[in-house]
């Protein structure tokens, strides 16, 4: 494709994304804002579910046809079970595995250009059929050359190759998303709750890191180091000699996909135990390592069978380990966010409504200025009715109970100053995917059961930290108390000797300025009174009215220029 043709294709792509967003914004504006103002809210309510389903289908078609970041946007939307209706998330689930593969000729050309040599020279064997195709690249099995195998101790590898021209496509998609975000900020309902441009910039940073395979390789090694010696977790090794920014070679760790429950049972592995271990490992990533795999969908996690010897390599009583791949999308958890999440987990485990509100404020989801009394009451009611239930139990609850609860507290929640901090985007994705995965592995999976042991450990840690803080404060107080008599004696001695002086010049200057400001304000009020009075008298007593208007210039001049001299 020539440069002119490529530029034309990129312009057409940009226009298609922006026009799609514009049409959807108009529909939302009409049904959600205009109709309710004319008393037709029932129409918007009645048509919302089918409208959402049609939107999801249209976006599904758009994402598959365009590829690139549109696939990533759809994948993120499919994981937002917490805020998006099931009509959208269900329709977009297929985007996880529905990316068409690039013809091998394009992959060969891209890989050879990056490696600087023919594939036959870089690898002893290279499979033309991809083992996986993603939105930004695709993976092929290969075998290292004899020399590379001897140097690395590896033989079979998986080679990830970027899709040709993906850099330009990502740039076009980000430009379109930035424009859509600016449109969204014009809707007060959105701008009051979320910094849409900020979220797009975070998404942009993540996407640009994803197409830098050297960054992914570094993240993979960091992840391996975090779980070094942990029998529950493993990750592939990087073949640095055959890795560049656009080509990544890593050890082949392919095993049973984590959501293949039939294969797990055939291997003698209990899917419910896999769910428990998976939840534990994700908790560890957040609260222990502050470095979280933000894309834990089924294609990125394998269950590797291990011989069970009671305390073997897989851990006590386990006959498997979890193998993570694809470290292009990782979430850093800063200290302040981790502290807020710790408070959140402890509050949820303890059914503490006030603690949950405090955690929301620490994290930044709920602004400190919010009136939280009603929110605490709603959370107490929520915990009292649904607290401790797993997804299987919740599915048996009468839907009318959820509807009544939503109607009672929905307006209150929508009125709160809520926002989504930028660094929460990837973390929310990771949590959503983890929750959905555990529930699919074990329908009776109870997130409370998974959280409570971890919360108990965090409480023990918090108690230890509290004791340390109290001990440190006691030492500091004792030191101050020890020095206090000597300091008081020194001050009294200086007072007796007449050596204590007070510099009040700054205070006097400030009082002078305040006094001058007060006089100027008085002059301003006098000017206004004389001017208005003169204007009223001009019609009946012209000489007096004109005189007042003229004389009013004197207090005006004092009000405007009276403070200049003092300021110097």
Protein backbone atom coordinates (compact mmCIF):
# COMPACT_ATOMS: atom_id res chain seq x y z
CA UNK A 1 0.00 0.00 0.00
CA UNK A 2 1.38 3.43 -0.98
CA UNK A 3 1.75 6.25 1.55
CA UNK A 4 -1.16 8.16 0.01
CA UNK A 5 -3.39 5.11 0.13
CA UNK A 6 -2.39 4.42 3.75
CA UNK A 7 -3.15 8.01 4.74
CA UNK A 8 -6.54 7.80 3.03
CA UNK A 9 -7.32 4.56 4.85
CA UNK A 10 -6.35 6.11 8.18
CA UNK A 11 -8.56 9.17 7.57
CA UNK A 12 -11.47 6.89 6.69
CA UNK A 13 -10.84 4.86 9.85
CA UNK A 14 -10.80 8.01 12.00
CA UNK A 15 -14.04 9.30 10.45
CA UNK A 16 -15.78 5.97 10.95
CA UNK A 17 -14.92 5.79 14.66
CA UNK A 18 -15.89 9.42 15.30
CA UNK A 19 -19.14 9.23 13.32
CA UNK A 20 -20.13 6.04 15.16
CA UNK A 21 -19.57 7.78 18.51
CA UNK A 22 -21.48 10.89 17.35
CA UNK A 23 -24.54 8.83 16.37
CA UNK A 24 -24.55 7.01 19.71
CA UNK A 25 -24.15 10.27 21.65
CA UNK A 26 -27.18 11.74 19.85
CA UNK A 27 -29.29 8.67 20.71
CA UNK A 28 -28.26 8.78 24.37
CA UNK A 29 -28.94 12.54 24.50
CA UNK A 30 -32.40 12.07 22.98
CA UNK A 31 -33.58 9.13 25.08
CA UNK A 32 -31.88 9.88 28.41
CA UNK A 33 -32.05 13.69 28.55
CA UNK A 34 -34.67 15.07 26.15
CA UNK A 35 -37.55 12.60 26.56
CA UNK A 36 -37.50 12.68 30.40
CA UNK A 37 -37.81 16.50 30.31
CA UNK A 38 -41.09 16.12 28.41
CA UNK A 39 -42.45 13.54 30.83
CA UNK A 40 -41.67 10.55 28.63
CA UNK A 41 -39.24 8.73 30.92
CA UNK A 42 -41.28 5.54 30.52
CA UNK A 43 -40.32 5.38 26.84
CA UNK A 44 -36.61 5.64 27.68
CA UNK A 45 -36.96 2.98 30.40
CA UNK A 46 -38.94 0.59 28.21
CA UNK A 47 -36.54 0.81 25.25
CA UNK A 48 -33.24 0.89 27.20
CA UNK A 49 -32.44 -2.84 27.15
CA UNK A 50 -33.01 -3.38 23.40
CA UNK A 51 -31.19 -0.12 22.63
CA UNK A 52 -28.17 -1.27 24.64
CA UNK A 53 -28.21 -4.62 22.86
CA UNK A 54 -28.35 -2.98 19.42
CA UNK A 55 -25.51 -0.64 20.41
CA UNK A 56 -23.37 -3.58 21.53
CA UNK A 57 -24.00 -5.45 18.27
CA UNK A 58 -23.11 -2.39 16.18
CA UNK A 59 -19.92 -1.84 18.18
CA UNK A 60 -19.08 -5.54 17.91
CA UNK A 61 -19.24 -5.31 14.12
CA UNK A 62 -17.19 -2.09 14.12
CA UNK A 63 -14.49 -3.55 16.39
CA UNK A 64 -14.09 -6.77 14.39
CA UNK A 65 -13.93 -4.92 11.08
CA UNK A 66 -11.45 -2.27 12.27
CA UNK A 67 -9.39 -4.28 14.76
CA UNK A 68 -6.63 -2.34 16.49
CA UNK A 69 -7.56 -0.58 19.70
CA UNK A 70 -11.27 -0.98 18.99
CA UNK A 71 -10.89 -4.63 19.99
CA UNK A 72 -9.21 -3.51 23.24
CA UNK A 73 -12.03 -1.03 23.94
CA UNK A 74 -14.61 -3.77 23.39
CA UNK A 75 -12.70 -6.21 25.60
CA UNK A 76 -12.60 -3.64 28.37
CA UNK A 77 -16.33 -2.97 28.03
CA UNK A 78 -17.06 -6.72 28.17
CA UNK A 79 -15.28 -6.92 31.53
CA UNK A 80 -17.19 -4.01 33.13
CA UNK A 81 -19.90 -6.17 34.67
CA UNK A 82 -20.04 -3.69 37.55
CA UNK A 83 -21.30 -0.69 35.58
CA UNK A 84 -22.47 -1.89 32.16
CA UNK A 85 -25.71 -3.81 31.59
CA UNK A 86 -25.49 -7.51 30.61
CA UNK A 87 -26.91 -6.66 27.17
CA UNK A 88 -23.55 -5.00 26.40
CA UNK A 89 -21.09 -7.23 28.26
CA UNK A 90 -22.60 -10.47 26.95
CA UNK A 91 -22.51 -9.30 23.34
CA UNK A 92 -18.86 -8.20 23.56
CA UNK A 93 -17.54 -11.31 25.31
CA UNK A 94 -16.66 -12.91 21.99
CA UNK A 95 -14.14 -10.17 21.21
CA UNK A 96 -11.68 -11.97 23.50
CA UNK A 97 -11.26 -14.73 20.89
CA UNK A 98 -12.66 -13.25 17.67
CA UNK A 99 -9.63 -11.46 16.23
CA UNK A 100 -8.82 -12.59 12.65
CA UNK A 101 -5.25 -13.68 11.98
CA UNK A 102 -2.82 -11.82 9.73
CA UNK A 103 -1.63 -13.79 6.65
CA UNK A 104 1.74 -15.42 7.35
CA UNK A 105 3.46 -13.50 4.55
CA UNK A 106 2.92 -10.25 6.47
CA UNK A 107 4.11 -11.81 9.73
CA UNK A 108 7.23 -13.21 8.05
CA UNK A 109 8.12 -9.84 6.53
CA UNK A 110 7.61 -8.00 9.83
CA UNK A 111 9.63 -10.55 11.87
CA UNK A 112 12.53 -10.70 9.42
CA UNK A 113 12.72 -6.90 9.23
CA UNK A 114 12.96 -6.72 13.03
CA UNK A 115 15.40 -9.60 13.53
CA UNK A 116 17.54 -8.62 10.56
CA UNK A 117 17.72 -12.17 9.20
CA UNK A 118 15.53 -14.83 7.55
CA UNK A 119 13.28 -16.84 9.87
CA UNK A 120 15.10 -20.03 8.82
CA UNK A 121 18.31 -18.59 10.23
CA UNK A 122 16.75 -17.25 13.45
CA UNK A 123 14.82 -20.43 14.24
CA UNK A 124 15.25 -24.08 13.26
CA UNK A 125 11.48 -24.36 12.79
CA UNK A 126 8.65 -21.79 12.65
CA UNK A 127 4.96 -22.77 12.49
CA UNK A 128 3.06 -20.77 9.89
CA UNK A 129 -0.27 -21.31 11.69
CA UNK A 130 -0.74 -18.94 14.64
CA UNK A 131 -1.39 -20.40 18.05
CA UNK A 132 -3.20 -17.17 19.03
CA UNK A 133 -4.23 -13.95 17.30
CA UNK A 134 -4.72 -10.76 19.29
CA UNK A 135 -5.68 -7.21 18.38
CA UNK A 136 -2.09 -5.91 18.34
CA UNK A 137 -0.12 -9.00 17.34
CA UNK A 138 -0.19 -12.75 17.02
CA UNK A 139 1.79 -15.71 18.33
CA UNK A 140 3.42 -18.64 16.55
CA UNK A 141 5.19 -21.72 17.86
CA UNK A 142 8.83 -22.10 16.90
CA UNK A 143 12.01 -23.96 17.83
CA UNK A 144 15.28 -22.25 18.64
CA UNK A 145 18.41 -22.93 16.62
CA UNK A 146 20.90 -25.38 18.13
CA UNK A 147 23.21 -22.54 19.20
CA UNK A 148 20.44 -20.51 20.87
CA UNK A 149 19.05 -23.64 22.54
CA UNK A 150 22.49 -24.42 23.99
CA UNK A 151 22.91 -20.82 25.22
CA UNK A 152 19.46 -20.47 26.82
CA UNK A 153 18.68 -24.03 27.87
CA UNK A 154 15.35 -23.72 26.04
CA UNK A 155 14.11 -25.47 22.92
CA UNK A 156 10.44 -24.87 22.07
CA UNK A 157 9.33 -21.23 22.15
CA UNK A 158 6.39 -19.02 21.29
CA UNK A 159 7.16 -16.00 19.11
CA UNK A 160 4.91 -12.94 19.31
CA UNK A 161 5.00 -10.69 16.24
CA UNK A 162 3.29 -7.32 15.97
CA UNK A 163 0.68 -6.83 13.29
CA UNK A 164 2.13 -4.88 10.34
CA UNK A 165 1.36 -1.14 10.54
CA UNK A 166 -0.09 -1.38 14.05
CA UNK A 167 1.80 1.76 15.23
CA UNK A 168 -0.09 3.97 12.77
CA UNK A 169 -3.42 2.28 13.54
CA UNK A 170 -2.95 2.83 17.27
CA UNK A 171 -2.16 6.52 16.67
CA UNK A 172 -5.35 6.98 14.60
CA UNK A 173 -7.53 5.16 17.15
CA UNK A 174 -6.14 7.20 20.04
CA UNK A 175 -6.78 10.46 18.18
CA UNK A 176 -10.40 9.41 17.64
CA UNK A 177 -10.82 8.32 21.28
CA UNK A 178 -9.40 11.64 22.51
CA UNK A 179 -11.98 13.53 20.47
CA UNK A 180 -14.81 11.32 21.78
CA UNK A 181 -13.57 11.93 25.35
CA UNK A 182 -13.75 15.70 24.82
CA UNK A 183 -17.34 15.31 23.64
CA UNK A 184 -18.17 13.22 26.70
CA UNK A 185 -16.88 15.95 29.03
CA UNK A 186 -19.55 18.29 27.68
CA UNK A 187 -22.17 16.05 29.29
CA UNK A 188 -22.37 17.12 32.92
CA UNK A 189 -23.47 13.66 34.04
CA UNK A 190 -20.12 12.37 32.75
CA UNK A 191 -17.86 15.30 33.61
CA UNK A 192 -19.02 15.35 37.26
CA UNK A 193 -18.01 11.74 37.76
CA UNK A 194 -15.09 10.88 35.54
CA UNK A 195 -12.16 12.52 33.82
CA UNK A 196 -12.75 10.99 30.40
CA UNK A 197 -9.65 12.57 28.77
CA UNK A 198 -7.57 11.32 31.70
CA UNK A 199 -8.89 7.79 31.24
CA UNK A 200 -8.11 7.92 27.53
CA UNK A 201 -4.56 9.05 28.29
CA UNK A 202 -4.12 6.15 30.71
CA UNK A 203 -5.53 3.81 28.06
CA UNK A 204 -3.12 5.37 25.55
CA UNK A 205 -0.12 4.82 27.81
CA UNK A 206 -1.13 1.20 28.37
CA UNK A 207 -1.66 0.62 24.65
CA UNK A 208 1.71 2.12 23.70
CA UNK A 209 3.38 -0.08 26.31
CA UNK A 210 1.58 -3.12 24.87
CA UNK A 211 3.13 -2.60 21.45
CA UNK A 212 6.60 -2.34 22.99
CA UNK A 213 7.58 -5.98 23.47
CA UNK A 214 10.77 -5.05 25.31
CA UNK A 215 8.58 -3.41 27.95
CA UNK A 216 6.48 -6.59 28.12
CA UNK A 217 9.63 -8.69 28.50
CA UNK A 218 10.78 -6.55 31.44
CA UNK A 219 7.35 -6.86 33.05
CA UNK A 220 7.44 -10.65 32.62
CA UNK A 221 10.79 -10.85 34.38
CA UNK A 222 9.57 -8.63 37.21
CA UNK A 223 6.51 -10.86 37.62
CA UNK A 224 8.73 -13.96 37.73
CA UNK A 225 10.90 -12.35 40.40
CA UNK A 226 7.84 -11.41 42.49
CA UNK A 227 6.72 -15.06 42.60
CA UNK A 228 10.16 -16.69 42.65
CA UNK A 229 9.95 -19.73 44.90
CA UNK A 230 6.13 -19.61 45.00
CA UNK A 231 4.89 -23.09 43.97
CA UNK A 232 1.49 -21.71 42.95
CA UNK A 233 2.68 -19.50 40.08
CA UNK A 234 5.02 -19.58 37.10
CA UNK A 235 5.70 -17.45 34.03
CA UNK A 236 7.62 -17.95 30.76
CA UNK A 237 11.31 -17.20 30.36
CA UNK A 238 12.41 -14.54 27.86
CA UNK A 239 14.80 -15.31 25.00
CA UNK A 240 16.44 -11.89 24.84
CA UNK A 241 18.66 -12.85 21.87
CA UNK A 242 15.53 -13.19 19.71
CA UNK A 243 13.46 -10.33 21.13
CA UNK A 244 13.05 -6.75 19.91
CA UNK A 245 10.45 -4.02 20.25
CA UNK A 246 8.19 -5.80 17.72
CA UNK A 247 9.20 -9.46 18.13
CA UNK A 248 9.18 -11.36 21.43
CA UNK A 249 10.46 -14.93 21.89
CA UNK A 250 9.64 -16.72 25.13
CA UNK A 251 9.52 -20.27 26.42
CA UNK A 252 6.49 -22.32 25.40
CA UNK A 253 4.43 -22.83 28.57
CA UNK A 254 1.17 -23.81 26.86
CA UNK A 255 -1.01 -26.00 29.08
CA UNK A 256 -4.71 -26.34 29.99
CA UNK A 257 -6.67 -23.10 29.59
CA UNK A 258 -7.96 -22.04 32.97
CA UNK A 259 -11.62 -22.05 31.83
CA UNK A 260 -11.47 -25.56 30.27
CA UNK A 261 -13.16 -27.32 33.18
CA UNK A 262 -13.53 -30.64 31.30
CA UNK A 263 -9.78 -30.81 30.65
CA UNK A 264 -9.07 -29.85 34.26
CA UNK A 265 -11.21 -32.66 35.62
CA UNK A 266 -9.68 -35.12 33.12
CA UNK A 267 -6.26 -34.19 34.55
CA UNK A 268 -7.52 -34.79 38.08
CA UNK A 269 -7.64 -31.07 38.94
CA UNK A 270 -10.56 -29.62 40.90
CA UNK A 271 -11.80 -26.42 39.18
CA UNK A 272 -13.06 -25.01 42.49
CA UNK A 273 -9.56 -25.33 43.95
CA UNK A 274 -8.20 -23.53 40.88
CA UNK A 275 -10.66 -20.70 41.57
CA UNK A 276 -9.48 -20.41 45.19
CA UNK A 277 -5.79 -20.34 44.23
CA UNK A 278 -6.42 -17.87 41.41
CA UNK A 279 -8.20 -15.47 43.81
CA UNK A 280 -5.35 -15.80 46.34
CA UNK A 281 -2.72 -15.07 43.71
CA UNK A 282 -4.57 -11.99 42.42
CA UNK A 283 -4.92 -10.69 46.01
CA UNK A 284 -1.17 -11.18 46.45
CA UNK A 285 -0.45 -9.21 43.30
CA UNK A 286 -2.47 -6.25 44.59
CA UNK A 287 -1.56 -6.16 48.27
CA UNK A 288 1.88 -7.76 48.42
CA UNK A 289 3.64 -6.95 45.16
CA UNK A 290 1.68 -3.86 43.95
CA UNK A 291 2.12 -5.17 40.40
CA UNK A 292 -0.99 -6.72 38.88
CA UNK A 293 -1.63 -8.68 35.68
CA UNK A 294 -4.44 -6.51 34.30
CA UNK A 295 -5.58 -8.83 31.50
CA UNK A 296 -6.27 -12.19 33.20
CA UNK A 297 -8.70 -13.52 30.62
CA UNK A 298 -8.77 -17.29 29.86
CA UNK A 299 -6.30 -17.05 26.99
CA UNK A 300 -3.63 -15.58 29.27
CA UNK A 301 -3.69 -18.12 32.11
CA UNK A 302 -2.88 -21.82 31.93
CA UNK A 303 -3.23 -24.51 34.56
CA UNK A 304 -0.11 -26.67 34.44
CA UNK A 305 -0.53 -30.15 36.00
CA UNK A 306 2.11 -31.11 38.56
CA UNK A 307 2.72 -34.40 40.41
CA UNK A 308 1.07 -34.23 43.82
CA UNK A 309 3.27 -35.57 46.61
CA UNK A 310 1.56 -33.88 49.52
CA UNK A 311 4.12 -31.06 49.61
CA UNK A 312 5.52 -31.10 46.10
CA UNK A 313 6.40 -28.36 43.64
CA UNK A 314 2.79 -27.32 43.27
CA UNK A 315 2.39 -26.71 46.98
CA UNK A 316 0.86 -28.66 49.84
CA UNK A 317 -1.90 -30.94 48.57
CA UNK A 318 -1.99 -29.31 45.10
CA UNK A 319 -1.38 -31.01 41.78
CA UNK A 320 -1.21 -27.88 39.59
CA UNK A 321 0.24 -24.41 39.26
CA UNK A 322 -1.03 -21.32 37.49
CA UNK A 323 1.04 -20.11 34.53
CA UNK A 324 0.52 -16.50 33.48
CA UNK A 325 1.44 -15.19 30.02
CA UNK A 326 1.09 -11.88 28.12
CA UNK A 327 2.43 -9.16 30.41
CA UNK A 328 1.76 -6.23 28.09
CA UNK A 329 -1.03 -4.89 30.31
CA UNK A 330 0.15 -4.53 33.91
CA UNK A 331 -1.22 -2.28 36.67
CA UNK A 332 1.00 -0.53 39.18
CA UNK A 333 -0.63 -0.02 42.58
CA UNK A 334 0.81 3.09 44.32
CA UNK A 335 1.07 3.15 48.10
CA UNK A 336 -1.89 5.49 48.65
CA UNK A 337 -4.17 3.35 46.46
CA UNK A 338 -2.99 0.14 48.11
CA UNK A 339 -3.72 1.63 51.55
CA UNK A 340 -7.25 2.54 50.42
CA UNK A 341 -7.80 -0.94 48.97
CA UNK A 342 -6.63 -2.53 52.22
CA UNK A 343 -9.18 -0.43 54.11
CA UNK A 344 -11.82 -1.41 51.53
CA UNK A 345 -11.13 -5.14 51.84
CA UNK A 346 -11.16 -5.03 55.64
CA UNK A 347 -14.43 -3.05 55.61
CA UNK A 348 -16.12 -5.45 53.18
CA UNK A 349 -15.00 -8.49 55.17
CA UNK A 350 -16.24 -6.87 58.39
CA UNK A 351 -19.51 -5.59 56.80
CA UNK A 352 -18.44 -2.12 57.99
CA UNK A 353 -20.45 0.50 56.08
CA UNK A 354 -18.57 3.48 57.55
CA UNK A 355 -15.22 1.83 56.83
CA UNK A 356 -16.34 1.23 53.25
CA UNK A 357 -17.17 4.92 52.81
CA UNK A 358 -13.79 5.88 54.28
CA UNK A 359 -12.07 3.52 51.88
CA UNK A 360 -13.94 5.01 48.92
CA UNK A 361 -12.72 8.45 49.98
CA UNK A 362 -9.12 7.24 50.43
CA UNK A 363 -9.10 5.65 46.99
CA UNK A 364 -10.58 8.79 45.43
CA UNK A 365 -13.79 7.26 44.07
CA UNK A 366 -15.88 9.29 46.52
CA UNK A 367 -14.85 12.89 47.06
CA UNK A 368 -14.32 13.98 50.71
CA UNK A 369 -17.02 16.67 50.36
CA UNK A 370 -19.75 14.07 49.87
CA UNK A 371 -22.60 13.81 52.38
CA UNK A 372 -22.18 10.16 53.34
CA UNK A 373 -24.92 9.66 55.97
CA UNK A 374 -27.43 8.29 53.45
CA UNK A 375 -24.75 6.22 51.72
CA UNK A 376 -23.78 4.57 55.02
CA UNK A 377 -27.45 3.75 55.64
CA UNK A 378 -27.75 2.20 52.18
CA UNK A 379 -24.62 0.13 52.69
CA UNK A 380 -25.86 -1.09 56.09
CA UNK A 381 -29.10 -2.22 54.42
CA UNK A 382 -27.11 -3.86 51.60
CA UNK A 383 -24.87 -5.76 54.02
CA UNK A 384 -27.84 -6.77 56.18
CA UNK A 385 -29.73 -8.27 53.24
CA UNK A 386 -27.09 -9.52 50.81
CA UNK A 387 -23.83 -9.53 52.78
CA UNK A 388 -21.94 -12.80 52.71
CA UNK A 389 -23.83 -14.24 49.74
CA UNK A 390 -21.97 -15.85 46.90
CA UNK A 391 -22.94 -15.47 43.24
CA UNK A 392 -24.90 -18.74 43.33
CA UNK A 393 -26.96 -17.52 46.29
CA UNK A 394 -27.47 -14.08 44.76
CA UNK A 395 -28.80 -15.67 41.58
CA UNK A 396 -31.63 -17.21 43.62
CA UNK A 397 -32.73 -13.90 45.13
CA UNK A 398 -35.97 -12.50 43.76
CA UNK A 399 -34.97 -9.89 41.11
CA UNK A 400 -37.69 -7.60 42.49
CA UNK A 401 -35.63 -7.22 45.67
CA UNK A 402 -32.72 -5.84 43.65
CA UNK A 403 -35.11 -3.58 41.75
CA UNK A 404 -36.66 -2.21 44.95
CA UNK A 405 -33.23 -1.60 46.46
CA UNK A 406 -32.01 0.17 43.32
CA UNK A 407 -35.10 2.39 43.17
CA UNK A 408 -34.79 3.30 46.86
CA UNK A 409 -31.13 4.27 46.80
CA UNK A 410 -30.40 4.84 43.10
CA UNK A 411 -31.09 8.58 43.08
CA UNK A 412 -29.01 9.06 46.23
CA UNK A 413 -26.01 7.23 44.75
CA UNK A 414 -26.28 9.13 41.45
CA UNK A 415 -26.27 12.44 43.35
CA UNK A 416 -22.97 11.68 45.08
CA UNK A 417 -19.77 13.27 43.73
CA UNK A 418 -18.29 10.05 42.38
CA UNK A 419 -15.31 9.82 40.06
CA UNK A 420 -13.03 7.14 38.67
CA UNK A 421 -9.35 7.81 39.39
CA UNK A 422 -7.08 7.25 36.42
CA UNK A 423 -4.96 4.54 38.04
CA UNK A 424 -8.10 2.48 38.77
CA UNK A 425 -8.92 1.64 35.15
CA UNK A 426 -6.65 -1.40 34.76
CA UNK A 427 -7.20 -2.54 38.34
CA UNK A 428 -10.98 -2.59 37.87
CA UNK A 429 -10.49 -4.64 34.70
CA UNK A 430 -8.33 -7.15 36.56
CA UNK A 431 -10.83 -7.45 39.42
CA UNK A 432 -13.78 -7.84 37.03
CA UNK A 433 -12.08 -10.58 35.02
CA UNK A 434 -10.92 -12.36 38.18
CA UNK A 435 -14.40 -12.35 39.69
CA UNK A 436 -15.99 -13.64 36.49
CA UNK A 437 -13.34 -16.34 36.05
CA UNK A 438 -13.68 -17.66 39.61
CA UNK A 439 -17.46 -17.82 39.29
CA UNK A 440 -17.24 -19.75 36.01
CA UNK A 441 -14.83 -22.26 37.58
CA UNK A 442 -16.96 -22.67 40.70
CA UNK A 443 -20.62 -21.53 40.53
CA UNK A 444 -20.73 -21.56 44.34
CA UNK A 445 -17.60 -19.41 44.61
CA UNK A 446 -18.08 -16.82 47.36
CA UNK A 447 -15.91 -13.75 47.12
CA UNK A 448 -16.47 -13.13 50.85
CA UNK A 449 -14.86 -16.47 51.69
CA UNK A 450 -11.88 -15.59 49.52
CA UNK A 451 -11.54 -12.12 51.02
CA UNK A 452 -12.00 -12.89 54.71
CA UNK A 453 -8.74 -14.84 55.33
CA UNK A 454 -6.82 -12.14 53.48
CA UNK A 455 -8.62 -9.41 55.42
CA UNK A 456 -7.78 -11.17 58.69
CA UNK A 457 -4.11 -11.18 57.72
CA UNK A 458 -4.28 -7.52 56.78
CA UNK A 459 -5.88 -6.75 60.13
CA UNK A 460 -3.01 -8.51 61.90
CA UNK A 461 -0.55 -6.49 59.82
CA UNK A 462 -2.43 -3.28 60.56
CA UNK A 463 -2.37 -4.11 64.31
CA UNK A 464 1.38 -4.62 64.15
CA UNK A 465 1.85 -1.33 62.29
CA UNK A 466 -0.41 0.43 64.82
CA UNK A 467 1.69 -0.85 67.72
CA UNK A 468 4.85 0.32 65.97
CA UNK A 469 3.34 3.77 65.37
CA UNK A 470 2.24 4.04 69.00
CA UNK A 471 5.68 2.99 70.24
CA UNK A 472 7.37 5.54 67.96
CA UNK A 473 5.01 8.32 69.10
CA UNK A 474 5.65 7.38 72.75
CA UNK A 475 9.41 7.65 72.20
CA UNK A 476 9.03 11.04 70.51
CA UNK A 477 6.77 12.30 73.32
CA UNK A 478 9.24 11.10 75.97
CA UNK A 479 12.08 12.90 74.20
CA UNK A 480 10.13 16.17 74.02
CA UNK A 481 9.08 15.83 77.67
CA UNK A 482 12.72 15.25 78.70
CA UNK A 483 13.90 18.43 76.92
CA UNK A 484 10.94 20.61 77.93
CA UNK A 485 12.10 21.75 81.46
CA UNK A 486 15.49 22.88 80.15
CA UNK A 487 13.88 24.85 77.30
CA UNK A 488 11.39 26.55 79.67
CA UNK A 489 14.23 27.46 82.08
CA UNK A 490 16.24 28.99 79.20
CA UNK A 491 13.29 31.14 78.10
CA UNK A 492 12.66 32.42 81.67
CA UNK A 493 16.36 33.32 82.04
CA UNK A 494 16.29 35.34 78.79
CA UNK A 495 13.15 37.19 79.93
CA UNK A 496 14.81 38.04 83.29
CA UNK A 497 17.92 39.31 81.50
CA UNK A 498 15.83 41.47 79.12
CA UNK A 499 17.11 39.60 76.07
CA UNK A 500 13.66 38.66 74.69
CA UNK A 501 12.47 40.98 71.95
CA UNK A 502 9.43 40.92 69.67
CA UNK A 503 9.47 42.24 66.10
CA UNK A 504 6.05 43.77 65.47
CA UNK A 505 6.96 45.80 62.40
CA UNK A 506 5.42 43.29 59.99
CA UNK A 507 2.20 43.21 62.02
CA UNK A 508 2.05 47.00 62.11
CA UNK A 509 2.52 47.22 58.34
CA UNK A 510 -0.27 44.70 57.81
CA UNK A 511 -2.62 46.66 60.11
CA UNK A 512 -1.80 49.86 58.23
CA UNK A 513 -2.68 48.17 54.93
CA UNK A 514 -5.97 46.87 56.34
CA UNK A 515 -6.84 50.31 57.62
CA UNK A 516 -6.10 51.84 54.20
CA UNK A 517 -8.27 49.22 52.49
CA UNK A 518 -11.14 50.02 54.87
CA UNK A 519 -10.88 53.74 54.05
CA UNK A 520 -10.88 53.01 50.32
CA UNK A 521 -13.98 50.82 50.68
CA UNK A 522 -15.70 53.66 52.50
CA UNK A 523 -14.77 56.05 49.71
CA UNK A 524 -16.16 53.63 47.16
CA UNK A 525 -19.48 53.41 49.02
CA UNK A 526 -19.62 57.25 49.29
CA UNK A 527 -18.91 57.62 45.57
CA UNK A 528 -21.76 55.23 44.69
CA UNK A 529 -24.18 57.03 47.01
CA UNK A 530 -23.33 60.49 45.64
CA UNK A 531 -23.49 59.32 42.05
CA UNK A 532 -26.89 57.63 42.41
CA UNK A 533 -28.28 60.52 44.48
CA UNK A 534 -27.09 63.07 41.93
CA UNK A 535 -28.60 61.11 39.06
CA UNK A 536 -31.97 61.03 40.86
CA UNK A 537 -31.89 64.78 41.59
CA UNK A 538 -30.89 65.93 38.09
CA UNK A 539 -34.49 65.82 36.89
CA UNK A 540 -35.98 67.87 39.80
CA UNK A 541 -33.01 69.94 41.11
CA UNK A 542 -30.50 70.10 38.25
CA UNK A 543 -27.84 72.30 40.00
CA UNK A 544 -27.68 70.08 43.12
CA UNK A 545 -27.78 66.87 41.10
CA UNK A 546 -24.95 67.96 38.79
CA UNK A 547 -22.90 69.17 41.79
CA UNK A 548 -23.24 65.78 43.54
CA UNK A 549 -22.22 63.93 40.39
CA UNK A 550 -19.15 66.13 39.95
CA UNK A 551 -18.12 65.96 43.62
CA UNK A 552 -18.50 62.15 43.59
CA UNK A 553 -15.27 62.10 41.56
CA UNK A 554 -13.29 62.90 44.73
CA UNK A 555 -14.14 59.74 46.72
CA UNK A 556 -13.76 57.79 43.45
CA UNK A 557 -10.18 59.05 43.02
CA UNK A 558 -9.38 58.19 46.65
CA UNK A 559 -10.88 54.72 46.27
CA UNK A 560 -8.85 53.99 43.13
CA UNK A 561 -5.52 55.66 43.95
CA UNK A 562 -5.57 56.00 47.74
CA UNK A 563 -3.64 52.74 48.35
CA UNK A 564 -0.86 53.23 45.79
CA UNK A 565 1.33 55.34 48.02
CA UNK A 566 1.05 53.01 50.99
CA UNK A 567 1.80 50.02 48.81
CA UNK A 568 5.16 51.50 47.91
